[in-house]
Protein backbone atom coordinates (compact mmCIF):
# COMPACT_ATOMS: atom_id res chain seq x y z
CA MET A 1 97.56 95.86 85.15
CA GLN A 2 96.25 93.51 88.05
CA GLU A 3 95.76 89.97 87.80
CA LEU A 4 93.18 88.36 89.98
CA LYS A 5 94.21 84.83 90.55
CA ILE A 6 92.08 82.26 92.02
CA THR A 7 93.56 80.34 94.65
CA ASN A 8 91.56 77.84 96.29
CA SER A 9 87.44 77.41 96.03
CA ASN A 10 86.64 80.23 97.84
CA GLY A 11 89.97 83.03 97.65
CA VAL A 12 91.71 85.19 94.88
CA GLU A 13 94.63 87.19 95.17
CA VAL A 14 95.45 90.48 93.64
CA TYR A 15 98.47 91.74 93.22
CA LEU A 16 98.58 95.63 93.39
CA TYR A 17 101.86 96.70 92.71
CA GLY A 18 102.19 100.06 91.22
CA GLU A 19 100.36 103.34 90.68
CA ILE A 20 96.61 103.34 91.25
CA GLY A 21 94.65 105.45 88.56
CA ARG A 22 92.50 105.29 85.49
CA TYR A 23 94.45 103.51 82.53
CA MET A 24 97.57 103.24 84.97
CA ASP A 25 99.07 100.15 86.92
CA VAL A 26 95.84 99.73 89.21
CA ASP A 27 92.97 100.50 87.70
CA VAL A 28 90.11 99.91 90.39
CA ASN A 29 87.40 99.59 87.65
CA TYR A 30 88.75 96.55 86.63
CA ILE A 31 89.40 95.26 90.29
CA VAL A 32 85.92 96.11 91.14
CA ARG A 33 84.27 94.18 87.66
CA ASP A 34 86.18 91.33 88.37
CA LEU A 35 85.70 90.84 92.18
CA GLU A 36 81.85 91.28 91.08
CA ARG A 37 81.97 88.61 88.46
CA LEU A 38 84.27 86.12 90.45
CA GLN A 39 81.87 86.34 93.51
CA LYS A 40 78.93 85.53 91.62
CA GLU A 41 80.63 82.67 89.07
CA LYS A 42 82.97 81.07 91.64
CA ASN A 43 81.39 82.30 94.85
CA ILE A 44 84.64 84.26 96.16
CA THR A 45 84.37 84.87 100.18
CA SER A 46 87.94 85.98 100.56
CA ILE A 47 90.54 87.93 99.15
CA THR A 48 94.10 88.94 99.37
CA PHE A 49 95.93 91.93 98.36
CA TYR A 50 99.21 92.01 97.70
CA VAL A 51 100.67 95.64 98.18
CA ASN A 52 103.78 97.78 96.24
CA SER A 53 102.88 101.08 95.56
CA GLY A 54 103.54 104.45 96.22
CA GLY A 55 99.49 105.37 96.15
CA GLY A 56 98.17 107.50 93.23
CA ASP A 57 94.38 108.74 92.33
CA VAL A 58 92.64 109.49 95.73
CA MET A 59 88.99 109.40 93.54
CA GLN A 60 89.96 105.82 92.31
CA GLY A 61 91.31 104.64 96.22
CA LEU A 62 88.22 105.77 97.48
CA ALA A 63 85.93 104.45 95.48
CA LEU A 64 88.01 100.41 96.27
CA TYR A 65 87.82 101.66 100.11
CA ASN A 66 84.19 102.30 99.76
CA TYR A 67 83.53 99.00 97.45
CA LEU A 68 85.25 97.13 100.17
CA ASN A 69 83.88 98.02 102.93
CA ARG A 70 80.43 97.63 101.74
CA CYS A 71 81.15 93.74 100.56
CA ASN A 72 81.15 90.82 102.23
CA LEU A 73 84.73 89.75 101.20
CA ASP A 74 86.52 88.80 104.02
CA VAL A 75 89.67 91.03 102.94
CA THR A 76 93.24 90.83 103.70
CA TRP A 77 95.97 93.00 102.62
CA VAL A 78 99.90 92.24 102.74
CA VAL A 79 102.35 94.66 102.47
CA ASP A 80 105.46 93.47 100.35
CA GLY A 81 107.56 96.28 99.70
CA ILE A 82 105.80 99.50 100.26
CA ALA A 83 102.11 101.05 100.85
CA ALA A 84 101.96 104.80 100.72
CA SER A 85 99.79 107.60 100.66
CA MET A 86 96.49 106.41 99.13
CA MET A 87 97.36 102.71 99.16
CA ALA A 88 98.35 102.85 102.84
CA MET A 89 94.75 104.60 103.08
CA LEU A 90 92.68 101.61 101.83
CA MET A 91 94.46 99.14 104.70
CA CYS A 92 92.78 101.32 107.57
CA ASN A 93 89.27 99.48 107.54
CA PRO A 94 88.92 97.82 111.04
CA LYS A 95 87.24 95.15 109.17
CA HIS A 96 90.70 93.83 106.78
CA LYS A 97 93.55 92.07 108.54
CA VAL A 98 96.94 93.89 107.66
CA LYS A 99 100.17 91.85 107.60
CA ALA A 100 103.49 93.14 106.52
CA ALA A 101 106.93 91.68 105.28
CA LYS A 102 109.84 92.46 108.04
CA TYR A 103 111.49 95.30 106.21
CA ALA A 104 107.65 96.52 104.45
CA LYS A 105 107.31 100.32 104.67
CA LEU A 106 103.95 102.38 105.28
CA MET A 107 103.54 106.04 104.42
CA TYR A 108 100.69 108.54 105.43
CA HIS A 109 100.41 111.72 105.19
CA ARG A 110 100.04 114.40 107.69
């Protein structure tokens, strides 16, 4: 299960390590619920996602993509290992910043 960690007065870190999907390592339903709560209770304005994932469920991934597209959070993605398939697609939003470790990998389907 992913953990949301408040880093300062207005930022949060989320480690998306594992497969995206309901009842999997990265369950978008919990991420969105927790982000909404933190925005109200802690007034967070930025989020950093640390990624190491081979992808996963497209429907869950699209839900997170659309949520992040309409919310007012400043989003940064950091690829620690691999971002493949649906996880790589999440980082395609031009409003977001993307960083990667020197030997990180990204994989998109044709």
